[in-house]
Amino acid sequence: MENKRVNDVVEEKKASAISGVPILLLTVILLIAAIAGMMLAFVNEIFVLGIILAFYVLVGWIPFLGLKMLRPNEAYVLTLFGKYYGTLKGPGYYFVHPFCSSINPIKEGKIGSAVSEVSANLTTGSVNMNVANVFNKRISLKTMTLNNDRQKINDKMGNPIVIGIVVIWRVENTARAVFNVDNFAEFLSIQCDAALRNIVRMYPYDVTDDQELGETSLRGSSIEIAQNLREEIQSKVEVAGLEIIEARITHLAYAPEIAAAMLQRQQANAIIDARQMIVEGAVGMVEMALAKLSDNNVVELDEERKAAMVSNLLVVLCGNRDAQPIVNSGSLY
């Protein structure tokens, strides 16, 4: 029985509702008729009828409490005398049980600060119209964005890095979002930070020479990292009825204390790679030059002269500065 009671709360169900327009018109007409009849009854000294109609006027506004209006991608989570009544979804004007109350834990957490703000504004003669949104208990079903502060985390190699992510999410199960966690927005924010730390610690910032070329890294495998991050966050917020649509890294850099050293390392690697490419190209050009001279019988060089020519060509091709030509007007030997 205990498991069944918990499941009834967790699982979302549709609230019983009808169109609110006929109820609104009927309630207004009955109130106007009751007020007019009460006045006529007291004028004609029919006190019993007047008292009955006066009592109806006092309680006849209660159906107004059951009128709910929803815009697209909004929902009401309703409770009746403390029990989960159902979720009202879909744009329209509805009538539900008048004593149903709606719950939104995000807006409820802001009511205290909003009331203080209203009191302060009233003393200065101004009212903040945003307070109306605080007391609005609708749950948004729209796709939303969470962008937490950047975090400093150690990667797989122990290097401190600064990383930031953006998470695209929406409420999928309103009952779980309201009843399983205290505040589903704060819960999501905390779980995103925890999941980000778990993922970053599994991968290095970048692949170095002493690592395998195909190893996954934070900088080089952004798509795979994003997929793993989304799955990690989704597993943690499933209990809150949230759906993680996408999670992407928006900022990735070494921490300031090691950024300069890592920049020098990257520059050194770039210089080495460039020099290696230059040397490989120069050797190929020297081989081609010697082969062309030999094939076309342009000049015959002994081994000593070939060595000198190779040395000169390598100096010219691999040097950082333009070569200064020296014209030899004497004998080659």
Protein backbone atom coordinates (compact mmCIF):
# COMPACT_ATOMS: atom_id res chain seq x y z
CA MET A 1 0.00 0.00 0.00
CA GLU A 2 2.89 2.36 0.74
CA ASN A 3 4.42 1.82 -2.71
CA LYS A 4 1.08 2.45 -4.38
CA ARG A 5 0.62 5.71 -2.48
CA VAL A 6 4.06 6.93 -3.54
CA ASN A 7 3.46 6.01 -7.17
CA ASP A 8 0.15 7.90 -7.15
CA VAL A 9 2.04 11.05 -6.20
CA VAL A 10 4.97 10.58 -8.55
CA GLU A 11 3.14 9.62 -11.71
CA GLU A 12 1.46 12.44 -13.57
CA LYS A 13 -2.28 12.24 -14.21
CA LYS A 14 -4.75 14.49 -15.99
CA ALA A 15 -6.90 16.75 -13.83
CA SER A 16 -10.67 16.63 -14.27
CA ALA A 17 -11.76 19.94 -15.83
CA ILE A 18 -14.46 21.46 -18.03
CA SER A 19 -14.69 24.64 -20.08
CA GLY A 20 -14.63 27.69 -17.83
CA VAL A 21 -16.56 30.10 -20.05
CA PRO A 22 -20.07 28.68 -19.36
CA ILE A 23 -19.31 28.50 -15.62
CA LEU A 24 -18.11 32.11 -15.63
CA LEU A 25 -21.24 33.36 -17.42
CA LEU A 26 -23.56 31.28 -15.24
CA THR A 27 -21.90 32.43 -12.02
CA VAL A 28 -22.04 36.11 -13.02
CA ILE A 29 -25.71 35.82 -14.06
CA LEU A 30 -26.67 34.06 -10.82
CA LEU A 31 -24.86 36.65 -8.69
CA ILE A 32 -26.54 39.53 -10.47
CA ALA A 33 -29.93 37.84 -10.15
CA ALA A 34 -29.31 37.09 -6.46
CA ILE A 35 -28.34 40.70 -5.73
CA ALA A 36 -31.39 42.03 -7.56
CA GLY A 37 -33.70 39.50 -5.86
CA MET A 38 -32.22 40.30 -2.43
CA MET A 39 -32.89 44.00 -2.88
CA LEU A 40 -36.45 43.37 -4.03
CA ALA A 41 -37.06 40.93 -1.18
CA PHE A 42 -35.96 43.45 1.47
CA VAL A 43 -37.97 46.23 -0.22
CA ASN A 44 -41.07 44.02 -0.18
CA GLU A 45 -40.24 42.91 3.39
CA ILE A 46 -39.77 39.27 2.42
CA PHE A 47 -36.96 38.87 4.93
CA VAL A 48 -36.56 35.08 4.75
CA LEU A 49 -35.99 35.16 1.00
CA GLY A 50 -33.73 38.20 1.35
CA ILE A 51 -31.55 36.45 3.95
CA ILE A 52 -31.26 33.36 1.76
CA LEU A 53 -30.27 35.43 -1.26
CA ALA A 54 -27.85 37.48 0.85
CA PHE A 55 -26.16 34.25 1.99
CA TYR A 56 -25.91 33.13 -1.64
CA VAL A 57 -24.28 36.44 -2.56
CA LEU A 58 -21.69 35.85 0.18
CA VAL A 59 -20.76 32.38 -1.07
CA GLY A 60 -21.68 32.68 -4.75
CA TRP A 61 -18.20 33.90 -5.69
CA ILE A 62 -16.64 30.56 -4.74
CA PRO A 63 -16.90 29.11 -8.32
CA PHE A 64 -14.55 31.88 -9.42
CA LEU A 65 -11.79 30.08 -7.48
CA GLY A 66 -12.03 27.13 -9.85
CA LEU A 67 -11.47 29.16 -13.03
CA LYS A 68 -8.01 28.60 -14.49
CA MET A 69 -6.49 30.05 -17.66
CA LEU A 70 -3.48 28.47 -19.39
CA ARG A 71 -1.30 29.66 -22.23
CA PRO A 72 0.60 27.30 -24.58
CA ASN A 73 3.31 25.24 -22.86
CA GLU A 74 2.02 25.89 -19.36
CA ALA A 75 0.50 23.61 -16.72
CA TYR A 76 -1.11 23.67 -13.30
CA VAL A 77 -0.25 21.04 -10.68
CA LEU A 78 -3.37 20.88 -8.51
CA THR A 79 -3.93 19.47 -5.03
CA LEU A 80 -7.26 18.99 -3.26
CA PHE A 81 -7.15 18.97 0.55
CA GLY A 82 -3.47 17.99 0.49
CA LYS A 83 -3.79 15.20 -2.09
CA TYR A 84 -2.59 15.29 -5.68
CA TYR A 85 -5.64 16.11 -7.81
CA GLY A 86 -4.02 16.13 -11.25
CA THR A 87 -2.17 18.23 -13.79
CA LEU A 88 -4.00 20.67 -16.03
CA LYS A 89 -2.33 21.11 -19.42
CA GLY A 90 -3.16 22.70 -22.74
CA PRO A 91 -4.06 26.30 -23.61
CA GLY A 92 -7.58 27.37 -22.71
CA TYR A 93 -9.94 28.55 -19.98
CA TYR A 94 -10.95 25.76 -17.57
CA PHE A 95 -13.05 25.14 -14.50
CA VAL A 96 -11.82 22.71 -11.85
CA HIS A 97 -12.83 22.00 -8.29
CA PRO A 98 -13.07 25.40 -6.55
CA PHE A 99 -11.05 24.23 -3.55
CA CYS A 100 -8.12 22.97 -5.65
CA SER A 101 -4.86 24.80 -5.04
CA SER A 102 -1.96 25.00 -7.47
CA ILE A 103 1.68 24.40 -6.51
CA ASN A 104 4.87 25.77 -7.98
CA PRO A 105 7.90 25.33 -5.68
CA ILE A 106 9.97 27.88 -7.62
CA LYS A 107 7.43 30.67 -7.21
CA GLU A 108 6.69 29.70 -3.59
CA GLY A 109 10.34 30.25 -2.69
CA LYS A 110 10.11 33.85 -3.91
CA ILE A 111 6.91 34.87 -2.15
CA GLY A 112 8.64 36.04 1.05
CA SER A 113 11.02 38.36 -0.77
CA ALA A 114 8.21 39.57 -3.04
CA VAL A 115 5.99 40.56 -0.12
CA SER A 116 8.85 42.54 1.42
CA GLU A 117 9.40 44.25 -1.91
CA VAL A 118 5.72 45.14 -2.20
CA SER A 119 5.71 46.66 1.30
CA ALA A 120 8.76 48.76 0.49
CA ASN A 121 7.25 49.95 -2.77
CA LEU A 122 3.93 50.86 -1.15
CA THR A 123 5.69 53.16 1.30
CA THR A 124 7.22 55.04 -1.63
CA GLY A 125 3.98 55.12 -3.58
CA SER A 126 4.96 52.60 -6.28
CA VAL A 127 4.05 48.98 -6.90
CA ASN A 128 6.20 46.50 -8.77
CA MET A 129 4.00 44.72 -11.32
CA ASN A 130 6.41 41.75 -11.45
CA VAL A 131 5.01 40.62 -8.10
CA ALA A 132 1.98 39.25 -9.96
CA ASN A 133 4.27 36.77 -11.68
CA VAL A 134 5.55 35.58 -8.30
CA PHE A 135 2.08 34.54 -7.20
CA ASN A 136 1.41 32.91 -10.55
CA LYS A 137 1.55 29.18 -9.86
CA ARG A 138 1.78 27.99 -13.45
CA ILE A 139 4.56 25.50 -14.30
CA SER A 140 6.34 26.34 -17.53
CA LEU A 141 6.71 23.46 -19.99
CA LYS A 142 8.84 25.52 -22.37
CA THR A 143 12.38 24.62 -23.32
CA MET A 144 14.68 26.54 -20.98
CA THR A 145 18.38 27.24 -20.70
CA LEU A 146 20.59 26.79 -17.64
CA ASN A 147 23.96 28.52 -17.68
CA ASN A 148 25.77 27.96 -14.37
CA ASP A 149 28.91 29.77 -13.26
CA ARG A 150 32.23 28.50 -14.60
CA GLN A 151 33.97 25.92 -12.43
CA LYS A 152 37.62 25.11 -11.76
CA ILE A 153 38.08 21.34 -12.02
CA ASN A 154 41.09 19.04 -12.34
CA ASP A 155 41.13 16.96 -15.50
CA LYS A 156 42.36 13.36 -15.82
CA MET A 157 46.01 14.48 -15.79
CA GLY A 158 45.49 16.61 -12.68
CA ASN A 159 45.68 19.93 -14.54
CA PRO A 160 43.28 22.58 -13.21
CA ILE A 161 40.96 23.87 -15.92
CA VAL A 162 38.12 26.38 -16.00
CA ILE A 163 35.03 25.05 -17.74
CA GLY A 164 31.47 26.25 -18.27
CA ILE A 165 28.46 24.51 -19.81
CA VAL A 166 24.98 25.37 -21.00
CA VAL A 167 22.11 22.91 -20.48
CA ILE A 168 18.88 22.92 -22.52
CA TRP A 169 16.06 21.35 -20.51
CA ARG A 170 12.32 21.23 -19.92
CA VAL A 171 9.82 19.80 -17.44
CA GLU A 172 8.53 16.45 -18.65
CA ASN A 173 6.69 15.08 -15.60
CA THR A 174 5.10 17.88 -13.58
CA ALA A 175 4.12 15.65 -10.65
CA ARG A 176 7.70 14.48 -10.10
CA ALA A 177 9.05 18.00 -10.52
CA VAL A 178 6.74 19.34 -7.81
CA PHE A 179 6.50 16.49 -5.30
CA ASN A 180 9.81 14.59 -5.57
CA VAL A 181 12.19 17.51 -5.05
CA ASP A 182 11.97 20.75 -3.11
CA ASN A 183 12.89 23.08 -6.00
CA PHE A 184 13.47 21.42 -9.36
CA ALA A 185 15.39 24.39 -10.82
CA GLU A 186 17.89 24.46 -7.96
CA PHE A 187 18.05 20.66 -8.02
CA LEU A 188 18.96 20.74 -11.71
CA SER A 189 21.63 23.38 -11.16
CA ILE A 190 23.34 21.37 -8.41
CA GLN A 191 23.17 18.12 -10.37
CA CYS A 192 24.68 19.82 -13.45
CA ASP A 193 27.67 20.94 -11.41
CA ALA A 194 28.11 17.46 -9.94
CA ALA A 195 27.80 15.73 -13.32
CA LEU A 196 30.28 18.17 -14.88
CA ARG A 197 32.88 17.32 -12.25
CA ASN A 198 32.39 13.60 -12.80
CA ILE A 199 32.81 13.90 -16.56
CA VAL A 200 35.80 16.26 -16.56
CA ARG A 201 37.79 14.03 -14.20
CA MET A 202 37.55 11.18 -16.72
CA TYR A 203 39.22 12.98 -19.66
CA PRO A 204 42.39 15.02 -20.24
CA TYR A 205 42.22 18.57 -21.48
CA ASP A 206 44.15 17.69 -24.62
CA VAL A 207 46.01 14.70 -26.08
CA THR A 208 49.78 14.92 -25.57
CA ASP A 209 52.63 13.08 -27.28
CA ASP A 210 52.85 10.39 -24.58
CA GLN A 211 49.16 9.50 -25.04
CA GLU A 212 47.38 7.57 -27.73
CA LEU A 213 46.46 9.62 -30.79
CA GLY A 214 42.81 8.53 -30.76
CA GLU A 215 42.20 9.14 -27.05
CA THR A 216 39.16 11.21 -26.14
CA SER A 217 39.93 14.69 -24.81
CA LEU A 218 37.86 17.64 -23.65
CA ARG A 219 39.15 19.90 -26.40
CA GLY A 220 39.24 17.45 -29.28
CA SER A 221 36.08 15.37 -28.67
CA SER A 222 33.42 17.97 -27.95
CA ILE A 223 30.54 15.97 -29.47
CA GLU A 224 31.31 12.82 -27.50
CA ILE A 225 31.85 14.78 -24.28
CA ALA A 226 28.55 16.62 -24.77
CA GLN A 227 26.68 13.34 -25.27
CA ASN A 228 28.23 11.78 -22.15
CA LEU A 229 27.50 14.92 -20.17
CA ARG A 230 23.84 14.95 -21.27
CA GLU A 231 23.41 11.28 -20.29
CA GLU A 232 25.09 11.89 -16.91
CA ILE A 233 22.83 14.82 -16.07
CA GLN A 234 19.71 13.00 -17.32
CA SER A 235 20.38 10.05 -15.01
CA LYS A 236 20.63 12.40 -12.03
CA VAL A 237 17.47 14.47 -12.72
CA GLU A 238 15.20 11.60 -13.78
CA VAL A 239 13.70 11.58 -10.29
CA ALA A 240 12.65 15.22 -10.75
CA GLY A 241 10.78 14.57 -14.01
CA LEU A 242 13.10 16.73 -16.12
CA GLU A 243 14.28 16.08 -19.67
CA ILE A 244 17.77 17.15 -20.71
CA ILE A 245 17.64 18.03 -24.39
CA GLU A 246 21.23 19.13 -24.85
CA ALA A 247 24.37 19.90 -22.83
CA ARG A 248 27.27 21.75 -24.42
CA ILE A 249 30.62 23.14 -23.26
CA THR A 250 30.64 26.91 -23.69
CA HIS A 251 34.01 27.74 -22.09
CA LEU A 252 37.16 25.63 -21.78
CA ALA A 253 40.58 26.92 -20.75
CA TYR A 254 43.46 26.16 -18.44
CA ALA A 255 43.31 27.78 -15.02
CA PRO A 256 45.24 31.09 -14.79
CA GLU A 257 47.99 29.61 -12.58
CA ILE A 258 49.11 27.16 -15.29
CA ALA A 259 47.86 28.92 -18.43
CA ALA A 260 51.23 30.58 -19.17
CA ALA A 261 53.18 27.32 -18.79
CA MET A 262 50.73 25.42 -20.97
CA LEU A 263 50.91 28.16 -23.60
CA GLN A 264 54.70 27.83 -23.73
CA ARG A 265 54.32 24.08 -24.09
CA GLN A 266 51.89 24.48 -26.96
CA GLN A 267 54.19 27.00 -28.63
CA ALA A 268 57.15 24.62 -28.25
CA ASN A 269 55.17 21.77 -29.78
CA ALA A 270 54.11 24.01 -32.66
CA ILE A 271 57.70 25.10 -33.32
CA ILE A 272 58.93 21.49 -33.26
CA ASP A 273 56.21 20.37 -35.66
CA ALA A 274 56.97 23.27 -38.00
CA ARG A 275 60.71 22.57 -37.97
CA GLN A 276 60.11 18.90 -38.64
CA MET A 277 57.97 19.74 -41.64
CA ILE A 278 60.57 22.20 -42.95
CA VAL A 279 63.40 19.67 -42.61
CA GLU A 280 61.41 16.91 -44.32
CA GLY A 281 60.61 19.27 -47.19
CA ALA A 282 64.21 20.48 -47.47
CA VAL A 283 65.59 16.94 -47.60
CA GLY A 284 63.15 16.08 -50.36
CA MET A 285 64.14 19.16 -52.36
CA VAL A 286 67.86 18.35 -51.99
CA GLU A 287 67.27 14.78 -53.16
CA MET A 288 65.30 16.06 -56.13
CA ALA A 289 68.02 18.62 -57.02
CA LEU A 290 70.79 16.04 -56.93
CA ALA A 291 68.74 13.58 -58.97
CA LYS A 292 67.95 16.20 -61.63
CA LEU A 293 71.58 17.29 -61.92
CA SER A 294 72.68 13.70 -62.28
CA ASP A 295 69.96 12.67 -64.76
CA ASN A 296 70.44 15.69 -67.03
CA ASN A 297 74.25 15.54 -66.89
CA VAL A 298 74.38 19.23 -65.95
CA VAL A 299 77.48 18.86 -63.80
CA GLU A 300 79.45 16.01 -62.31
CA LEU A 301 80.10 16.30 -58.61
CA ASP A 302 82.25 14.09 -56.45
CA GLU A 303 81.17 13.03 -53.00
CA GLU A 304 82.89 15.94 -51.32
CA ARG A 305 81.16 18.52 -53.54
CA LYS A 306 77.83 16.76 -53.14
CA ALA A 307 78.20 16.99 -49.36
CA ALA A 308 79.00 20.71 -49.62
CA MET A 309 76.03 21.30 -51.92
CA VAL A 310 73.71 19.41 -49.58
CA SER A 311 74.98 21.44 -46.63
CA ASN A 312 74.47 24.73 -48.45
CA LEU A 313 70.99 23.83 -49.67
CA LEU A 314 69.90 22.73 -46.20
CA VAL A 315 71.19 25.94 -44.69
CA VAL A 316 69.28 27.99 -47.28
CA LEU A 317 66.05 26.00 -47.02
CA CYS A 318 65.99 25.55 -43.24
CA GLY A 319 67.23 29.00 -42.20
CA ASN A 320 64.99 31.58 -40.55
CA ARG A 321 66.44 34.42 -42.63
CA ASP A 322 66.87 34.99 -46.34
CA ALA A 323 70.16 33.64 -47.70
CA GLN A 324 72.81 36.12 -48.83
CA PRO A 325 74.30 34.86 -52.14
CA ILE A 326 78.08 34.87 -52.62
CA VAL A 327 79.33 34.85 -56.20
CA ASN A 328 82.48 32.79 -56.71
CA SER A 329 84.39 34.27 -59.65
CA GLY A 330 87.29 31.81 -59.36
CA SER A 331 87.65 28.14 -59.95
CA LEU A 332 85.10 25.74 -58.59
CA TYR A 333 87.99 23.76 -57.07
